[in-house]
All heavy atoms as atom14 arrays in JSON, in Angstrom:
{
  "sequence": "TLSTTGYLGLSVYVLIFLSALYWCWQVLKNKTSADWYLKAAVVASF",
  "atom14_mask": [
    [1, 1, 1, 1, 1, 1, 1, 0, 0, 0, 0, 0, 0, 0],
    [1, 1, 1, 1, 1, 1, 1, 1, 0, 0, 0, 0, 0, 0],
    [1, 1, 1, 1, 1, 1, 0, 0, 0, 0, 0, 0, 0, 0],
    [1, 1, 1, 1, 1, 1, 1, 0, 0, 0, 0, 0, 0, 0],
    [1, 1, 1, 1, 1, 1, 1, 0, 0, 0, 0, 0, 0, 0],
    [1, 1, 1, 1, 0, 0, 0, 0, 0, 0, 0, 0, 0, 0],
    [1, 1, 1, 1, 1, 1, 1, 1, 1, 1, 1, 1, 0, 0],
    [1, 1, 1, 1, 1, 1, 1, 1, 0, 0, 0, 0, 0, 0],
    [1, 1, 1, 1, 0, 0, 0, 0, 0, 0, 0, 0, 0, 0],
    [1, 1, 1, 1, 1, 1, 1, 1, 0, 0, 0, 0, 0, 0],
    [1, 1, 1, 1, 1, 1, 0, 0, 0, 0, 0, 0, 0, 0],
    [1, 1, 1, 1, 1, 1, 1, 0, 0, 0, 0, 0, 0, 0],
    [1, 1, 1, 1, 1, 1, 1, 1, 1, 1, 1, 1, 0, 0],
    [1, 1, 1, 1, 1, 1, 1, 0, 0, 0, 0, 0, 0, 0],
    [1, 1, 1, 1, 1, 1, 1, 1, 0, 0, 0, 0, 0, 0],
    [1, 1, 1, 1, 1, 1, 1, 1, 0, 0, 0, 0, 0, 0],
    [1, 1, 1, 1, 1, 1, 1, 1, 1, 1, 1, 0, 0, 0],
    [1, 1, 1, 1, 1, 1, 1, 1, 0, 0, 0, 0, 0, 0],
    [1, 1, 1, 1, 1, 1, 0, 0, 0, 0, 0, 0, 0, 0],
    [1, 1, 1, 1, 1, 0, 0, 0, 0, 0, 0, 0, 0, 0],
    [1, 1, 1, 1, 1, 1, 1, 1, 0, 0, 0, 0, 0, 0],
    [1, 1, 1, 1, 1, 1, 1, 1, 1, 1, 1, 1, 0, 0],
    [1, 1, 1, 1, 1, 1, 1, 1, 1, 1, 1, 1, 1, 1],
    [1, 1, 1, 1, 1, 1, 0, 0, 0, 0, 0, 0, 0, 0],
    [1, 1, 1, 1, 1, 1, 1, 1, 1, 1, 1, 1, 1, 1],
    [1, 1, 1, 1, 1, 1, 1, 1, 1, 0, 0, 0, 0, 0],
    [1, 1, 1, 1, 1, 1, 1, 0, 0, 0, 0, 0, 0, 0],
    [1, 1, 1, 1, 1, 1, 1, 1, 0, 0, 0, 0, 0, 0],
    [1, 1, 1, 1, 1, 1, 1, 1, 1, 0, 0, 0, 0, 0],
    [1, 1, 1, 1, 1, 1, 1, 1, 0, 0, 0, 0, 0, 0],
    [1, 1, 1, 1, 1, 1, 1, 1, 1, 0, 0, 0, 0, 0],
    [1, 1, 1, 1, 1, 1, 1, 0, 0, 0, 0, 0, 0, 0],
    [1, 1, 1, 1, 1, 1, 0, 0, 0, 0, 0, 0, 0, 0],
    [1, 1, 1, 1, 1, 0, 0, 0, 0, 0, 0, 0, 0, 0],
    [1, 1, 1, 1, 1, 1, 1, 1, 0, 0, 0, 0, 0, 0],
    [1, 1, 1, 1, 1, 1, 1, 1, 1, 1, 1, 1, 1, 1],
    [1, 1, 1, 1, 1, 1, 1, 1, 1, 1, 1, 1, 0, 0],
    [1, 1, 1, 1, 1, 1, 1, 1, 0, 0, 0, 0, 0, 0],
    [1, 1, 1, 1, 1, 1, 1, 1, 1, 0, 0, 0, 0, 0],
    [1, 1, 1, 1, 1, 0, 0, 0, 0, 0, 0, 0, 0, 0],
    [1, 1, 1, 1, 1, 0, 0, 0, 0, 0, 0, 0, 0, 0],
    [1, 1, 1, 1, 1, 1, 1, 0, 0, 0, 0, 0, 0, 0],
    [1, 1, 1, 1, 1, 1, 1, 0, 0, 0, 0, 0, 0, 0],
    [1, 1, 1, 1, 1, 0, 0, 0, 0, 0, 0, 0, 0, 0],
    [1, 1, 1, 1, 1, 1, 0, 0, 0, 0, 0, 0, 0, 0],
    [1, 1, 1, 1, 1, 1, 1, 1, 1, 1, 1, 0, 0, 0]
  ],
  "atom14_positions": [
    [[36.11, -5.82, 7.73], [34.87, -5.09, 7.33], [35.21, -4.22, 6.12], [34.34, -4.16, 5.17], [34.32, -4.27, 8.51], [34.03, -5.24, 9.52], [32.98, -3.67, 8.09], [0.0, 0.0, 0.0], [0.0, 0.0, 0.0], [0.0, 0.0, 0.0], [0.0, 0.0, 0.0], [0.0, 0.0, 0.0], [0.0, 0.0, 0.0], [0.0, 0.0, 0.0]],
    [[36.26, -3.46, 6.11], [36.59, -2.58, 5.02], [36.77, -3.37, 3.71], [36.29, -3.02, 2.68], [37.91, -1.85, 5.36], [38.49, -0.97, 4.19], [37.52, 0.05, 3.7], [39.84, -0.37, 4.59], [0.0, 0.0, 0.0], [0.0, 0.0, 0.0], [0.0, 0.0, 0.0], [0.0, 0.0, 0.0], [0.0, 0.0, 0.0], [0.0, 0.0, 0.0]],
    [[37.48, -4.52, 3.8], [37.8, -5.37, 2.64], [36.5, -5.97, 2.05], [36.31, -5.95, 0.85], [38.76, -6.46, 3.03], [39.0, -7.29, 1.88], [0.0, 0.0, 0.0], [0.0, 0.0, 0.0], [0.0, 0.0, 0.0], [0.0, 0.0, 0.0], [0.0, 0.0, 0.0], [0.0, 0.0, 0.0], [0.0, 0.0, 0.0], [0.0, 0.0, 0.0]],
    [[35.57, -6.42, 2.93], [34.48, -7.24, 2.41], [33.22, -6.38, 2.22], [32.32, -6.8, 1.41], [34.15, -8.35, 3.31], [33.85, -7.88, 4.68], [35.36, -9.33, 3.39], [0.0, 0.0, 0.0], [0.0, 0.0, 0.0], [0.0, 0.0, 0.0], [0.0, 0.0, 0.0], [0.0, 0.0, 0.0], [0.0, 0.0, 0.0], [0.0, 0.0, 0.0]],
    [[33.03, -5.25, 2.91], [31.8, -4.49, 2.8], [32.07, -3.01, 2.35], [31.13, -2.25, 2.34], [31.03, -4.45, 4.14], [31.89, -3.87, 5.16], [30.63, -5.88, 4.53], [0.0, 0.0, 0.0], [0.0, 0.0, 0.0], [0.0, 0.0, 0.0], [0.0, 0.0, 0.0], [0.0, 0.0, 0.0], [0.0, 0.0, 0.0], [0.0, 0.0, 0.0]],
    [[33.36, -2.7, 2.03], [33.63, -1.4, 1.51], [33.57, -0.35, 2.51], [33.45, -0.5, 3.74], [0.0, 0.0, 0.0], [0.0, 0.0, 0.0], [0.0, 0.0, 0.0], [0.0, 0.0, 0.0], [0.0, 0.0, 0.0], [0.0, 0.0, 0.0], [0.0, 0.0, 0.0], [0.0, 0.0, 0.0], [0.0, 0.0, 0.0], [0.0, 0.0, 0.0]],
    [[33.72, 0.88, 2.07], [33.76, 2.09, 2.97], [32.41, 2.27, 3.64], [32.29, 2.8, 4.71], [34.25, 3.31, 2.2], [35.76, 3.26, 1.83], [36.07, 2.76, 0.58], [36.72, 3.56, 2.79], [37.46, 2.73, 0.25], [38.07, 3.51, 2.4], [38.4, 3.08, 1.16], [39.75, 3.01, 0.81], [0.0, 0.0, 0.0], [0.0, 0.0, 0.0]],
    [[31.29, 1.98, 2.92], [29.97, 2.08, 3.49], [29.87, 1.1, 4.75], [29.38, 1.56, 5.81], [28.96, 1.77, 2.48], [27.48, 1.82, 2.96], [27.15, 3.25, 3.46], [26.48, 1.43, 1.86], [0.0, 0.0, 0.0], [0.0, 0.0, 0.0], [0.0, 0.0, 0.0], [0.0, 0.0, 0.0], [0.0, 0.0, 0.0], [0.0, 0.0, 0.0]],
    [[30.28, -0.12, 4.58], [30.15, -1.03, 5.66], [31.02, -0.65, 6.83], [30.62, -0.78, 7.97], [0.0, 0.0, 0.0], [0.0, 0.0, 0.0], [0.0, 0.0, 0.0], [0.0, 0.0, 0.0], [0.0, 0.0, 0.0], [0.0, 0.0, 0.0], [0.0, 0.0, 0.0], [0.0, 0.0, 0.0], [0.0, 0.0, 0.0], [0.0, 0.0, 0.0]],
    [[32.24, -0.22, 6.53], [33.14, 0.2, 7.64], [32.56, 1.4, 8.32], [32.61, 1.5, 9.57], [34.5, 0.55, 7.05], [35.56, 0.99, 8.08], [35.83, -0.07, 9.09], [36.82, 1.47, 7.39], [0.0, 0.0, 0.0], [0.0, 0.0, 0.0], [0.0, 0.0, 0.0], [0.0, 0.0, 0.0], [0.0, 0.0, 0.0], [0.0, 0.0, 0.0]],
    [[31.93, 2.35, 7.6], [31.34, 3.53, 8.25], [30.2, 3.21, 9.15], [30.09, 3.65, 10.26], [30.84, 4.51, 7.18], [31.9, 4.87, 6.29], [0.0, 0.0, 0.0], [0.0, 0.0, 0.0], [0.0, 0.0, 0.0], [0.0, 0.0, 0.0], [0.0, 0.0, 0.0], [0.0, 0.0, 0.0], [0.0, 0.0, 0.0], [0.0, 0.0, 0.0]],
    [[29.41, 2.2, 8.75], [28.23, 1.75, 9.56], [28.78, 1.05, 10.78], [28.25, 1.24, 11.91], [27.29, 0.81, 8.78], [26.3, 0.17, 9.72], [26.69, 1.58, 7.68], [0.0, 0.0, 0.0], [0.0, 0.0, 0.0], [0.0, 0.0, 0.0], [0.0, 0.0, 0.0], [0.0, 0.0, 0.0], [0.0, 0.0, 0.0], [0.0, 0.0, 0.0]],
    [[29.87, 0.26, 10.65], [30.45, -0.45, 11.78], [31.02, 0.51, 12.83], [30.85, 0.31, 13.97], [31.46, -1.43, 11.19], [31.7, -2.63, 12.15], [30.64, -3.49, 12.49], [32.97, -2.98, 12.62], [30.88, -4.59, 13.32], [33.15, -4.07, 13.44], [32.14, -4.85, 13.81], [32.32, -5.96, 14.57], [0.0, 0.0, 0.0], [0.0, 0.0, 0.0]],
    [[31.78, 1.5, 12.31], [32.36, 2.49, 13.19], [31.2, 3.25, 13.9], [31.29, 3.59, 15.05], [33.26, 3.47, 12.41], [33.71, 4.69, 13.2], [34.45, 2.76, 11.89], [0.0, 0.0, 0.0], [0.0, 0.0, 0.0], [0.0, 0.0, 0.0], [0.0, 0.0, 0.0], [0.0, 0.0, 0.0], [0.0, 0.0, 0.0], [0.0, 0.0, 0.0]],
    [[30.12, 3.57, 13.19], [29.05, 4.23, 13.79], [28.4, 3.45, 14.92], [27.96, 4.05, 15.94], [28.01, 4.54, 12.7], [26.71, 5.3, 13.13], [27.1, 6.7, 13.73], [25.69, 5.46, 12.03], [0.0, 0.0, 0.0], [0.0, 0.0, 0.0], [0.0, 0.0, 0.0], [0.0, 0.0, 0.0], [0.0, 0.0, 0.0], [0.0, 0.0, 0.0]],
    [[28.32, 2.15, 14.77], [27.81, 1.31, 15.88], [28.69, 1.48, 17.1], [28.22, 1.58, 18.24], [27.83, -0.19, 15.39], [26.77, -0.33, 14.37], [27.58, -1.12, 16.57], [26.74, -1.74, 13.75], [0.0, 0.0, 0.0], [0.0, 0.0, 0.0], [0.0, 0.0, 0.0], [0.0, 0.0, 0.0], [0.0, 0.0, 0.0], [0.0, 0.0, 0.0]],
    [[29.99, 1.5, 16.96], [30.93, 1.59, 18.12], [30.77, 3.03, 18.74], [30.89, 3.19, 19.95], [32.33, 1.36, 17.71], [32.63, -0.13, 17.64], [32.38, -0.82, 16.49], [33.23, -0.78, 18.7], [32.74, -2.21, 16.47], [33.49, -2.12, 18.67], [33.23, -2.85, 17.57], [0.0, 0.0, 0.0], [0.0, 0.0, 0.0], [0.0, 0.0, 0.0]],
    [[30.64, 4.09, 17.86], [30.53, 5.43, 18.38], [29.2, 5.54, 19.19], [29.19, 6.15, 20.22], [30.57, 6.44, 17.24], [31.88, 6.54, 16.48], [31.76, 7.62, 15.34], [33.01, 7.03, 17.48], [0.0, 0.0, 0.0], [0.0, 0.0, 0.0], [0.0, 0.0, 0.0], [0.0, 0.0, 0.0], [0.0, 0.0, 0.0], [0.0, 0.0, 0.0]],
    [[28.14, 4.91, 18.59], [26.89, 4.87, 19.36], [27.03, 4.14, 20.72], [26.46, 4.6, 21.69], [25.8, 4.3, 18.51], [25.54, 4.93, 17.35], [0.0, 0.0, 0.0], [0.0, 0.0, 0.0], [0.0, 0.0, 0.0], [0.0, 0.0, 0.0], [0.0, 0.0, 0.0], [0.0, 0.0, 0.0], [0.0, 0.0, 0.0], [0.0, 0.0, 0.0]],
    [[27.85, 3.07, 20.67], [28.01, 2.32, 21.89], [28.72, 3.11, 22.94], [28.48, 3.0, 24.12], [28.76, 1.02, 21.54], [0.0, 0.0, 0.0], [0.0, 0.0, 0.0], [0.0, 0.0, 0.0], [0.0, 0.0, 0.0], [0.0, 0.0, 0.0], [0.0, 0.0, 0.0], [0.0, 0.0, 0.0], [0.0, 0.0, 0.0], [0.0, 0.0, 0.0]],
    [[29.73, 3.91, 22.48], [30.43, 4.73, 23.44], [29.54, 5.81, 24.12], [29.59, 6.17, 25.23], [31.61, 5.42, 22.71], [32.77, 4.48, 22.31], [33.83, 5.36, 21.55], [33.41, 3.9, 23.49], [0.0, 0.0, 0.0], [0.0, 0.0, 0.0], [0.0, 0.0, 0.0], [0.0, 0.0, 0.0], [0.0, 0.0, 0.0], [0.0, 0.0, 0.0]],
    [[28.54, 6.29, 23.29], [27.57, 7.18, 23.79], [26.74, 6.47, 24.82], [26.43, 7.08, 25.93], [26.69, 7.74, 22.67], [25.55, 8.53, 23.12], [25.65, 9.87, 23.64], [24.26, 7.96, 23.13], [24.53, 10.58, 24.11], [23.11, 8.68, 23.59], [23.27, 9.97, 24.03], [22.21, 10.71, 24.49], [0.0, 0.0, 0.0], [0.0, 0.0, 0.0]],
    [[26.3, 5.31, 24.56], [25.49, 4.55, 25.56], [26.33, 4.24, 26.78], [25.75, 4.26, 27.92], [25.04, 3.24, 24.91], [24.0, 3.41, 23.86], [23.03, 4.33, 23.85], [23.86, 2.7, 22.63], [22.24, 4.31, 22.64], [22.77, 3.27, 21.91], [24.6, 1.65, 22.0], [22.39, 2.77, 20.64], [24.16, 1.19, 20.8], [23.1, 1.73, 20.1]],
    [[27.65, 4.03, 26.68], [28.48, 3.84, 27.9], [28.37, 5.07, 28.75], [28.31, 4.99, 29.94], [29.95, 3.58, 27.41], [30.19, 1.98, 26.61], [0.0, 0.0, 0.0], [0.0, 0.0, 0.0], [0.0, 0.0, 0.0], [0.0, 0.0, 0.0], [0.0, 0.0, 0.0], [0.0, 0.0, 0.0], [0.0, 0.0, 0.0], [0.0, 0.0, 0.0]],
    [[28.56, 6.25, 28.1], [28.43, 7.49, 28.95], [27.01, 7.66, 29.53], [26.95, 8.1, 30.69], [28.72, 8.71, 27.95], [28.59, 10.01, 28.64], [29.44, 10.62, 29.5], [27.52, 10.85, 28.5], [28.91, 11.78, 29.96], [27.74, 11.98, 29.4], [26.32, 10.91, 27.82], [26.84, 13.05, 29.5], [25.37, 11.89, 27.9], [25.72, 13.05, 28.77]],
    [[26.04, 7.2, 28.79], [24.68, 7.28, 29.31], [24.44, 6.46, 30.57], [23.86, 6.91, 31.51], [23.6, 6.91, 28.25], [23.41, 7.91, 27.16], [22.69, 9.11, 27.62], [23.13, 10.17, 27.92], [21.31, 8.89, 27.66], [0.0, 0.0, 0.0], [0.0, 0.0, 0.0], [0.0, 0.0, 0.0], [0.0, 0.0, 0.0], [0.0, 0.0, 0.0]],
    [[25.02, 5.25, 30.55], [24.78, 4.43, 31.72], [25.64, 4.74, 32.86], [25.35, 4.38, 34.07], [25.0, 2.86, 31.31], [24.16, 2.46, 30.18], [26.49, 2.6, 30.89], [0.0, 0.0, 0.0], [0.0, 0.0, 0.0], [0.0, 0.0, 0.0], [0.0, 0.0, 0.0], [0.0, 0.0, 0.0], [0.0, 0.0, 0.0], [0.0, 0.0, 0.0]],
    [[26.74, 5.43, 32.72], [27.66, 5.76, 33.85], [27.51, 7.15, 34.35], [28.03, 7.39, 35.44], [29.04, 5.51, 33.36], [29.57, 4.16, 32.94], [30.97, 4.06, 32.44], [29.4, 3.16, 34.18], [0.0, 0.0, 0.0], [0.0, 0.0, 0.0], [0.0, 0.0, 0.0], [0.0, 0.0, 0.0], [0.0, 0.0, 0.0], [0.0, 0.0, 0.0]],
    [[26.75, 7.99, 33.69], [26.69, 9.43, 34.11], [25.91, 9.56, 35.45], [26.19, 10.5, 36.24], [26.19, 10.38, 33.03], [24.71, 10.12, 32.7], [24.26, 11.09, 31.65], [22.71, 10.92, 31.34], [22.29, 11.87, 30.31], [0.0, 0.0, 0.0], [0.0, 0.0, 0.0], [0.0, 0.0, 0.0], [0.0, 0.0, 0.0], [0.0, 0.0, 0.0]],
    [[24.97, 8.69, 35.65], [24.16, 8.75, 36.87], [24.72, 7.81, 37.89], [24.45, 6.56, 37.95], [22.72, 8.38, 36.58], [21.82, 8.54, 37.81], [22.23, 9.14, 38.83], [20.66, 7.89, 37.78], [0.0, 0.0, 0.0], [0.0, 0.0, 0.0], [0.0, 0.0, 0.0], [0.0, 0.0, 0.0], [0.0, 0.0, 0.0], [0.0, 0.0, 0.0]],
    [[25.67, 8.31, 38.84], [26.32, 7.52, 39.76], [25.45, 7.11, 40.91], [25.89, 6.37, 41.8], [27.57, 8.2, 40.27], [28.64, 8.41, 39.15], [29.89, 8.91, 39.72], [29.8, 10.38, 40.2], [31.07, 10.87, 40.74], [0.0, 0.0, 0.0], [0.0, 0.0, 0.0], [0.0, 0.0, 0.0], [0.0, 0.0, 0.0], [0.0, 0.0, 0.0]],
    [[24.22, 7.63, 40.97], [23.34, 7.28, 42.08], [22.45, 6.06, 41.85], [21.72, 5.63, 42.76], [22.44, 8.54, 42.38], [21.62, 8.8, 41.3], [23.25, 9.74, 42.79], [0.0, 0.0, 0.0], [0.0, 0.0, 0.0], [0.0, 0.0, 0.0], [0.0, 0.0, 0.0], [0.0, 0.0, 0.0], [0.0, 0.0, 0.0], [0.0, 0.0, 0.0]],
    [[22.47, 5.58, 40.68], [21.61, 4.41, 40.32], [22.07, 3.2, 41.14], [23.27, 2.96, 41.31], [21.6, 4.17, 38.86], [22.97, 3.87, 38.4], [0.0, 0.0, 0.0], [0.0, 0.0, 0.0], [0.0, 0.0, 0.0], [0.0, 0.0, 0.0], [0.0, 0.0, 0.0], [0.0, 0.0, 0.0], [0.0, 0.0, 0.0], [0.0, 0.0, 0.0]],
    [[21.09, 2.33, 41.4], [21.34, 1.2, 42.25], [22.19, 0.15, 41.64], [22.94, -0.56, 42.21], [20.0, 0.54, 42.76], [0.0, 0.0, 0.0], [0.0, 0.0, 0.0], [0.0, 0.0, 0.0], [0.0, 0.0, 0.0], [0.0, 0.0, 0.0], [0.0, 0.0, 0.0], [0.0, 0.0, 0.0], [0.0, 0.0, 0.0], [0.0, 0.0, 0.0]],
    [[22.08, 0.06, 40.27], [22.88, -0.96, 39.5], [24.09, -0.29, 38.79], [24.49, -0.8, 37.78], [21.97, -1.62, 38.54], [21.28, -0.65, 37.59], [21.38, 0.58, 37.85], [20.66, -1.1, 36.64], [0.0, 0.0, 0.0], [0.0, 0.0, 0.0], [0.0, 0.0, 0.0], [0.0, 0.0, 0.0], [0.0, 0.0, 0.0], [0.0, 0.0, 0.0]],
    [[24.68, 0.65, 39.33], [25.75, 1.41, 38.73], [26.98, 0.5, 38.58], [27.6, 0.57, 37.51], [26.17, 2.62, 39.53], [27.14, 3.56, 38.79], [26.75, 4.52, 37.94], [28.55, 3.56, 38.92], [27.89, 5.16, 37.43], [29.0, 4.56, 37.93], [29.44, 2.8, 39.54], [30.35, 4.85, 37.85], [30.8, 3.08, 39.34], [31.25, 4.06, 38.52]],
    [[27.31, -0.32, 39.52], [28.47, -1.22, 39.39], [28.21, -2.26, 38.36], [29.2, -2.63, 37.67], [28.75, -1.87, 40.73], [29.39, -0.94, 41.74], [28.6, -0.44, 42.77], [30.7, -0.48, 41.61], [29.2, 0.44, 43.78], [31.25, 0.39, 42.53], [30.54, 0.85, 43.56], [31.08, 1.7, 44.5], [0.0, 0.0, 0.0], [0.0, 0.0, 0.0]],
    [[26.99, -2.69, 38.16], [26.69, -3.67, 37.09], [26.96, -2.96, 35.76], [27.57, -3.57, 34.84], [25.3, -4.1, 37.17], [24.77, -4.95, 35.98], [25.66, -6.22, 35.79], [23.31, -5.33, 36.17], [0.0, 0.0, 0.0], [0.0, 0.0, 0.0], [0.0, 0.0, 0.0], [0.0, 0.0, 0.0], [0.0, 0.0, 0.0], [0.0, 0.0, 0.0]],
    [[26.5, -1.69, 35.65], [26.7, -1.01, 34.41], [28.18, -0.8, 34.13], [28.68, -0.86, 32.96], [26.06, 0.4, 34.49], [24.5, 0.28, 34.61], [23.9, 1.69, 34.73], [22.39, 1.52, 34.86], [21.73, 2.91, 35.13], [0.0, 0.0, 0.0], [0.0, 0.0, 0.0], [0.0, 0.0, 0.0], [0.0, 0.0, 0.0], [0.0, 0.0, 0.0]],
    [[29.02, -0.49, 35.16], [30.42, -0.33, 34.99], [31.06, -1.61, 34.51], [32.01, -1.65, 33.67], [31.04, 0.08, 36.23], [0.0, 0.0, 0.0], [0.0, 0.0, 0.0], [0.0, 0.0, 0.0], [0.0, 0.0, 0.0], [0.0, 0.0, 0.0], [0.0, 0.0, 0.0], [0.0, 0.0, 0.0], [0.0, 0.0, 0.0], [0.0, 0.0, 0.0]],
    [[30.6, -2.78, 35.1], [31.13, -4.12, 34.63], [30.78, -4.34, 33.14], [31.65, -4.81, 32.39], [30.58, -5.2, 35.53], [0.0, 0.0, 0.0], [0.0, 0.0, 0.0], [0.0, 0.0, 0.0], [0.0, 0.0, 0.0], [0.0, 0.0, 0.0], [0.0, 0.0, 0.0], [0.0, 0.0, 0.0], [0.0, 0.0, 0.0], [0.0, 0.0, 0.0]],
    [[29.59, -4.06, 32.79], [29.18, -4.24, 31.36], [30.0, -3.38, 30.39], [30.44, -3.81, 29.34], [27.69, -4.02, 31.18], [27.27, -4.0, 29.65], [26.84, -5.02, 31.96], [0.0, 0.0, 0.0], [0.0, 0.0, 0.0], [0.0, 0.0, 0.0], [0.0, 0.0, 0.0], [0.0, 0.0, 0.0], [0.0, 0.0, 0.0], [0.0, 0.0, 0.0]],
    [[30.29, -2.11, 30.74], [31.0, -1.16, 29.99], [32.42, -1.74, 29.87], [33.06, -1.74, 28.75], [31.01, 0.23, 30.56], [31.99, 1.08, 29.8], [29.56, 0.84, 30.39], [0.0, 0.0, 0.0], [0.0, 0.0, 0.0], [0.0, 0.0, 0.0], [0.0, 0.0, 0.0], [0.0, 0.0, 0.0], [0.0, 0.0, 0.0], [0.0, 0.0, 0.0]],
    [[33.05, -2.24, 31.04], [34.35, -2.77, 30.95], [34.47, -3.97, 30.05], [35.44, -4.08, 29.27], [34.81, -3.18, 32.43], [0.0, 0.0, 0.0], [0.0, 0.0, 0.0], [0.0, 0.0, 0.0], [0.0, 0.0, 0.0], [0.0, 0.0, 0.0], [0.0, 0.0, 0.0], [0.0, 0.0, 0.0], [0.0, 0.0, 0.0], [0.0, 0.0, 0.0]],
    [[33.45, -4.82, 30.0], [33.42, -5.97, 29.15], [33.32, -5.48, 27.76], [34.02, -6.11, 26.88], [32.23, -6.9, 29.47], [32.37, -7.4, 30.81], [0.0, 0.0, 0.0], [0.0, 0.0, 0.0], [0.0, 0.0, 0.0], [0.0, 0.0, 0.0], [0.0, 0.0, 0.0], [0.0, 0.0, 0.0], [0.0, 0.0, 0.0], [0.0, 0.0, 0.0]],
    [[32.52, -4.49, 27.51], [32.48, -3.99, 26.06], [33.72, -3.43, 25.62], [34.12, -3.64, 24.45], [31.32, -2.84, 26.06], [31.33, -2.15, 24.79], [30.72, -2.76, 23.62], [31.84, -0.88, 24.64], [30.7, -2.08, 22.34], [31.9, -0.25, 23.42], [31.32, -0.81, 22.33], [0.0, 0.0, 0.0], [0.0, 0.0, 0.0], [0.0, 0.0, 0.0]]
  ]
}
């Protein structure tokens, strides 16, 4: 990504992953949800 899209493209790509880590925290913080194990499996796959 750095080579083909430059520092702007790499920054956007890293931002996507940082946002995804935030979503990981969002889905796992509520341990009382009925589908918590499914969420944990999706985060592990990610």
